[in-house]
């Protein structure tokens, strides 16, 4: 009888340890986040609580810059990162990550494209680098609708344009409006939301193709079971009526998440390759 109890207790202990170990392992989902992005963690806090409700522990790992984030993906120190299409595309080209899901905002958008803005009365953008010759051009760094679009144009080195990097698309528009630049390359949605404020500016051209916005890219070294759990939870988010899900909608301004694949990045990857981005690219254009 005593031996039977000992054996039974032993198997109960082993089972409990296995369950605890499995739970602890599955709970780990580490998100890289830029340390200099103000309130970045707070932005995703409702999502953290939502995933916790689904049994997924969502934690942030600060990183100083994108090269450091790439090293973290390589070492397995982080599992994923939310990013715009430019950074996501670079990580895809570097074979460090794959896209998983992206948000659909309250207006129903999940993609964007570049809009070229200039003072009212300016010539129409002709789709060529020569348009920027001798001009002061402002845009966000490493943005598909900014620096990447600019560098994707053939002959851009000979355009002799003065580059003014802006901390955001909104800042680029403001810089242009204040006379600090001659032309801006920005997200179409940002321009459409702000153009009423700038009657002295006008859209003079745009890119014709779309780029995925705010994609969650996951490391190729991330645990596949955990990634599947995260994907399932986020894809089911649209129909979730819980207070946690509603908090995500209210605080992040989104209505759902949709599946995202490398095929959705076809135009972004084309822009990046035209701009000279390859596996050796270190997140900086010369």
Protein backbone atom coordinates (compact mmCIF):
# COMPACT_ATOMS: atom_id res chain seq x y z
CA UNK A 1 0.00 0.00 0.00
CA UNK A 2 2.80 2.42 0.91
CA UNK A 3 4.66 1.62 -2.31
CA UNK A 4 1.46 2.22 -4.27
CA UNK A 5 1.00 5.61 -2.60
CA UNK A 6 4.61 6.58 -3.27
CA UNK A 7 4.30 5.64 -6.95
CA UNK A 8 1.00 7.50 -7.22
CA UNK A 9 2.48 10.60 -5.56
CA UNK A 10 5.52 10.40 -7.82
CA UNK A 11 3.41 10.38 -10.98
CA UNK A 12 1.22 13.20 -9.66
CA UNK A 13 4.34 15.27 -8.97
CA UNK A 14 5.78 14.57 -12.43
CA UNK A 15 2.46 15.45 -14.07
CA UNK A 16 2.20 18.67 -12.10
CA UNK A 17 5.77 19.65 -13.00
CA UNK A 18 5.09 18.92 -16.67
CA UNK A 19 1.97 21.06 -16.62
CA UNK A 20 3.76 23.92 -14.89
CA UNK A 21 6.71 23.67 -17.25
CA UNK A 22 4.47 23.54 -20.29
CA UNK A 23 2.44 26.52 -19.07
CA UNK A 24 5.53 28.58 -18.29
CA UNK A 25 7.07 27.79 -21.65
CA UNK A 26 3.92 28.53 -23.65
CA UNK A 27 3.43 31.80 -21.77
CA UNK A 28 6.58 33.41 -23.11
CA UNK A 29 6.04 35.82 -25.99
CA UNK A 30 8.60 38.61 -26.02
CA UNK A 31 8.07 41.72 -28.12
CA UNK A 32 10.95 43.99 -29.15
CA UNK A 33 10.16 47.65 -28.65
CA UNK A 34 12.22 50.75 -29.40
CA UNK A 35 13.39 52.41 -26.20
CA UNK A 36 13.14 55.91 -27.66
CA UNK A 37 9.50 55.54 -28.77
CA UNK A 38 7.53 57.58 -26.23
CA UNK A 39 4.57 55.72 -24.68
CA UNK A 40 5.16 52.75 -27.00
CA UNK A 41 4.66 50.19 -24.25
CA UNK A 42 1.55 52.02 -23.02
CA UNK A 43 0.10 51.86 -26.53
CA UNK A 44 0.20 48.07 -26.48
CA UNK A 45 -0.77 47.61 -22.82
CA UNK A 46 -4.44 46.81 -23.63
CA UNK A 47 -3.24 44.18 -26.09
CA UNK A 48 -1.02 42.73 -23.37
CA UNK A 49 -4.06 42.34 -21.11
CA UNK A 50 -6.12 40.82 -23.93
CA UNK A 51 -3.51 38.18 -24.72
CA UNK A 52 -3.12 37.44 -21.02
CA UNK A 53 -6.84 36.68 -20.95
CA UNK A 54 -6.14 34.12 -23.68
CA UNK A 55 -3.36 32.51 -21.62
CA UNK A 56 -0.47 34.22 -23.41
CA UNK A 57 2.06 36.23 -21.41
CA UNK A 58 3.08 39.21 -23.52
CA UNK A 59 6.23 41.03 -22.39
CA UNK A 60 8.32 43.88 -23.78
CA UNK A 61 12.07 43.83 -24.38
CA UNK A 62 13.61 47.23 -24.96
CA UNK A 63 16.03 47.67 -27.83
CA UNK A 64 18.12 50.71 -28.69
CA UNK A 65 17.70 50.54 -32.46
CA UNK A 66 16.82 48.28 -35.38
CA UNK A 67 20.29 46.72 -35.75
CA UNK A 68 20.04 45.65 -32.11
CA UNK A 69 16.54 44.33 -32.70
CA UNK A 70 17.87 42.27 -35.63
CA UNK A 71 20.51 40.76 -33.33
CA UNK A 72 17.79 39.89 -30.82
CA UNK A 73 15.81 38.13 -33.55
CA UNK A 74 18.95 36.21 -34.55
CA UNK A 75 19.76 35.15 -30.98
CA UNK A 76 16.19 34.26 -30.09
CA UNK A 77 16.13 36.91 -27.36
CA UNK A 78 12.82 38.24 -28.70
CA UNK A 79 9.98 36.54 -30.54
CA UNK A 80 8.33 39.35 -32.46
CA UNK A 81 7.95 43.05 -33.18
CA UNK A 82 5.23 45.36 -34.48
CA UNK A 83 6.50 47.51 -37.32
CA UNK A 84 5.71 49.50 -40.42
CA UNK A 85 6.17 47.90 -43.80
CA UNK A 86 9.68 49.21 -44.39
CA UNK A 87 11.24 47.67 -41.29
CA UNK A 88 9.14 44.52 -41.63
CA UNK A 89 10.29 44.14 -45.23
CA UNK A 90 13.93 44.55 -44.24
CA UNK A 91 13.59 41.81 -41.62
CA UNK A 92 11.97 39.57 -44.26
CA UNK A 93 14.80 40.21 -46.73
CA UNK A 94 17.32 39.45 -43.98
CA UNK A 95 15.50 36.13 -43.47
CA UNK A 96 15.02 36.93 -39.77
CA UNK A 97 11.24 37.04 -39.60
CA UNK A 98 7.93 36.35 -41.29
CA UNK A 99 4.73 38.44 -41.13
CA UNK A 100 1.89 37.06 -39.00
CA UNK A 101 -1.01 39.51 -38.70
CA UNK A 102 -1.71 43.22 -39.14
CA UNK A 103 -4.44 45.48 -37.73
CA UNK A 104 -7.37 46.93 -39.61
CA UNK A 105 -8.05 50.42 -38.30
CA UNK A 106 -11.46 51.91 -37.53
CA UNK A 107 -11.68 53.34 -41.05
CA UNK A 108 -11.12 49.88 -42.50
CA UNK A 109 -7.54 50.43 -43.70
CA UNK A 110 -4.68 47.96 -43.22
CA UNK A 111 -2.35 49.29 -45.91
CA UNK A 112 -1.00 52.65 -47.11
CA UNK A 113 1.02 54.18 -49.92
CA UNK A 114 3.27 57.17 -50.51
CA UNK A 115 1.88 60.60 -51.34
CA UNK A 116 4.12 63.38 -52.63
CA UNK A 117 3.14 66.78 -51.23
CA UNK A 118 4.39 70.19 -52.34
CA UNK A 119 3.31 73.85 -52.16
CA UNK A 120 0.14 74.66 -54.08
CA UNK A 121 0.87 75.31 -57.75
CA UNK A 122 3.91 73.00 -57.89
CA UNK A 123 4.46 70.78 -60.95
CA UNK A 124 2.99 67.28 -60.90
CA UNK A 125 5.35 64.51 -59.79
CA UNK A 126 6.56 62.70 -62.92
CA UNK A 127 7.52 59.47 -61.17
CA UNK A 128 11.22 60.04 -61.71
CA UNK A 129 14.17 61.02 -59.53
CA UNK A 130 14.72 64.17 -61.58
CA UNK A 131 11.62 65.68 -59.95
CA UNK A 132 13.59 66.09 -56.72
CA UNK A 133 16.66 67.64 -58.32
CA UNK A 134 17.84 70.66 -56.36
CA UNK A 135 14.94 70.36 -53.91
CA UNK A 136 14.88 69.98 -50.13
CA UNK A 137 13.03 66.70 -49.57
CA UNK A 138 11.62 65.68 -46.19
CA UNK A 139 10.40 62.22 -45.16
CA UNK A 140 10.45 59.65 -42.35
CA UNK A 141 13.54 57.41 -42.29
CA UNK A 142 13.16 53.78 -43.36
CA UNK A 143 9.51 54.34 -44.29
CA UNK A 144 8.06 52.73 -47.41
CA UNK A 145 6.16 55.98 -47.92
CA UNK A 146 9.26 58.04 -47.21
CA UNK A 147 12.97 57.30 -47.39
CA UNK A 148 12.54 53.89 -48.99
CA UNK A 149 10.29 55.21 -51.76
CA UNK A 150 12.78 58.05 -52.36
CA UNK A 151 15.74 55.67 -52.68
CA UNK A 152 13.79 53.25 -54.88
CA UNK A 153 13.80 55.77 -57.73
CA UNK A 154 16.45 55.15 -60.38
CA UNK A 155 19.14 57.80 -60.53
CA UNK A 156 18.32 59.27 -57.14
CA UNK A 157 22.01 59.80 -56.36
CA UNK A 158 22.31 62.21 -59.27
CA UNK A 159 19.21 64.18 -58.27
CA UNK A 160 21.31 66.27 -55.88
CA UNK A 161 18.44 66.66 -53.44
CA UNK A 162 18.92 67.88 -49.87
CA UNK A 163 17.45 65.30 -47.48
CA UNK A 164 15.65 66.40 -44.31
CA UNK A 165 14.63 63.47 -42.13
CA UNK A 166 11.48 63.94 -40.07
CA UNK A 167 10.50 62.12 -36.89
CA UNK A 168 7.04 61.38 -38.31
CA UNK A 169 4.93 61.87 -41.43
CA UNK A 170 3.05 64.66 -39.65
CA UNK A 171 6.29 66.44 -38.85
CA UNK A 172 7.34 66.14 -42.50
CA UNK A 173 4.14 67.87 -43.60
CA UNK A 174 4.58 70.59 -40.98
CA UNK A 175 8.20 71.13 -42.05
CA UNK A 176 7.04 71.60 -45.64
CA UNK A 177 4.25 73.96 -44.61
CA UNK A 178 6.67 76.09 -42.59
CA UNK A 179 9.04 76.48 -45.54
CA UNK A 180 11.69 74.12 -44.20
CA UNK A 181 11.43 71.86 -47.25
CA UNK A 182 10.28 72.00 -50.88
CA UNK A 183 8.57 68.62 -51.07
CA UNK A 184 7.48 65.89 -48.63
CA UNK A 185 6.94 62.15 -49.11
CA UNK A 186 4.40 60.87 -46.57
CA UNK A 187 1.73 58.26 -45.83
CA UNK A 188 -1.43 58.91 -47.81
CA UNK A 189 -3.66 58.46 -44.74
CA UNK A 190 -1.67 61.01 -42.75
CA UNK A 191 -1.94 63.52 -45.58
CA UNK A 192 -5.67 62.87 -46.06
CA UNK A 193 -6.29 63.39 -42.34
CA UNK A 194 -4.29 66.62 -42.17
CA UNK A 195 -4.63 68.32 -45.57
CA UNK A 196 -7.50 70.53 -44.42
CA UNK A 197 -5.03 72.23 -42.07
CA UNK A 198 -2.69 73.11 -44.94
CA UNK A 199 -4.51 74.93 -47.77
CA UNK A 200 -1.12 76.14 -49.01
CA UNK A 201 -0.09 72.56 -49.82
CA UNK A 202 -1.29 69.99 -52.35
CA UNK A 203 -0.69 66.39 -53.34
CA UNK A 204 1.31 66.38 -56.57
CA UNK A 205 1.60 62.61 -57.00
CA UNK A 206 1.53 59.23 -55.30
CA UNK A 207 2.72 55.66 -55.41
CA UNK A 208 0.23 53.34 -57.09
CA UNK A 209 0.72 50.28 -54.84
CA UNK A 210 0.00 49.47 -51.18
CA UNK A 211 2.16 48.47 -48.21
CA UNK A 212 0.95 46.54 -45.10
CA UNK A 213 0.73 48.71 -41.99
CA UNK A 214 1.66 47.86 -38.39
CA UNK A 215 2.43 44.20 -39.05
CA UNK A 216 3.38 41.81 -36.26
CA UNK A 217 6.48 40.06 -37.58
CA UNK A 218 7.70 36.94 -35.76
CA UNK A 219 11.17 35.54 -35.47
CA UNK A 220 11.90 32.32 -37.32
CA UNK A 221 13.27 31.08 -33.99
CA UNK A 222 10.03 31.71 -32.08
CA UNK A 223 8.18 28.71 -30.65
CA UNK A 224 5.71 27.62 -33.34
CA UNK A 225 3.06 26.55 -30.83
CA UNK A 226 3.15 29.93 -29.11
CA UNK A 227 3.06 31.76 -32.45
CA UNK A 228 0.00 29.73 -33.48
CA UNK A 229 -1.70 30.63 -30.19
CA UNK A 230 -0.97 34.34 -30.68
CA UNK A 231 -2.21 34.20 -34.27
CA UNK A 232 -5.42 32.41 -33.30
CA UNK A 233 -6.12 34.89 -30.50
CA UNK A 234 -5.57 37.95 -32.69
CA UNK A 235 -7.54 36.61 -35.66
CA UNK A 236 -10.48 35.88 -33.31
CA UNK A 237 -10.27 39.38 -31.84
CA UNK A 238 -12.86 40.88 -34.21
CA UNK A 239 -15.74 38.90 -32.71
CA UNK A 240 -14.56 39.06 -29.10
CA UNK A 241 -17.00 41.02 -26.91
CA UNK A 242 -14.88 40.95 -23.74
CA UNK A 243 -13.97 44.22 -21.96
CA UNK A 244 -10.32 43.48 -22.69
CA UNK A 245 -11.01 43.26 -26.43
CA UNK A 246 -13.03 46.48 -26.33
CA UNK A 247 -10.16 48.24 -24.55
CA UNK A 248 -7.87 47.25 -27.42
CA UNK A 249 -10.35 48.67 -29.94
CA UNK A 250 -10.75 51.91 -28.04
CA UNK A 251 -7.11 52.52 -27.15
CA UNK A 252 -5.47 51.33 -30.36
CA UNK A 253 -8.10 52.53 -32.81
CA UNK A 254 -8.52 49.19 -34.58
CA UNK A 255 -11.40 46.87 -35.40
CA UNK A 256 -9.66 43.58 -36.14
CA UNK A 257 -6.47 41.75 -37.12
CA UNK A 258 -6.06 39.96 -40.43
CA UNK A 259 -3.67 37.27 -41.60
CA UNK A 260 -0.60 38.64 -43.32
CA UNK A 261 1.86 36.76 -45.54
CA UNK A 262 5.02 37.61 -47.50
CA UNK A 263 2.80 37.93 -50.59
CA UNK A 264 1.19 41.00 -49.01
CA UNK A 265 4.65 42.58 -49.00
CA UNK A 266 5.26 42.12 -52.73
CA UNK A 267 5.29 45.85 -53.48
CA UNK A 268 7.21 46.76 -50.31
CA UNK A 269 9.89 44.19 -51.10
CA UNK A 270 10.10 45.50 -54.65
CA UNK A 271 10.67 49.04 -53.33
CA UNK A 272 13.32 47.83 -50.90
CA UNK A 273 15.21 45.88 -53.54
CA UNK A 274 15.12 48.84 -55.93
CA UNK A 275 16.52 50.94 -53.07
CA UNK A 276 19.44 48.51 -52.76
CA UNK A 277 18.38 46.68 -49.61
CA UNK A 278 19.78 43.15 -49.25
CA UNK A 279 20.74 40.81 -46.40
CA UNK A 280 23.77 42.94 -45.56
CA UNK A 281 21.78 46.17 -45.24
CA UNK A 282 22.37 47.74 -41.81
CA UNK A 283 19.30 49.97 -41.59
CA UNK A 284 21.00 53.02 -43.02
CA UNK A 285 21.24 54.44 -46.55
CA UNK A 286 24.55 56.04 -47.47
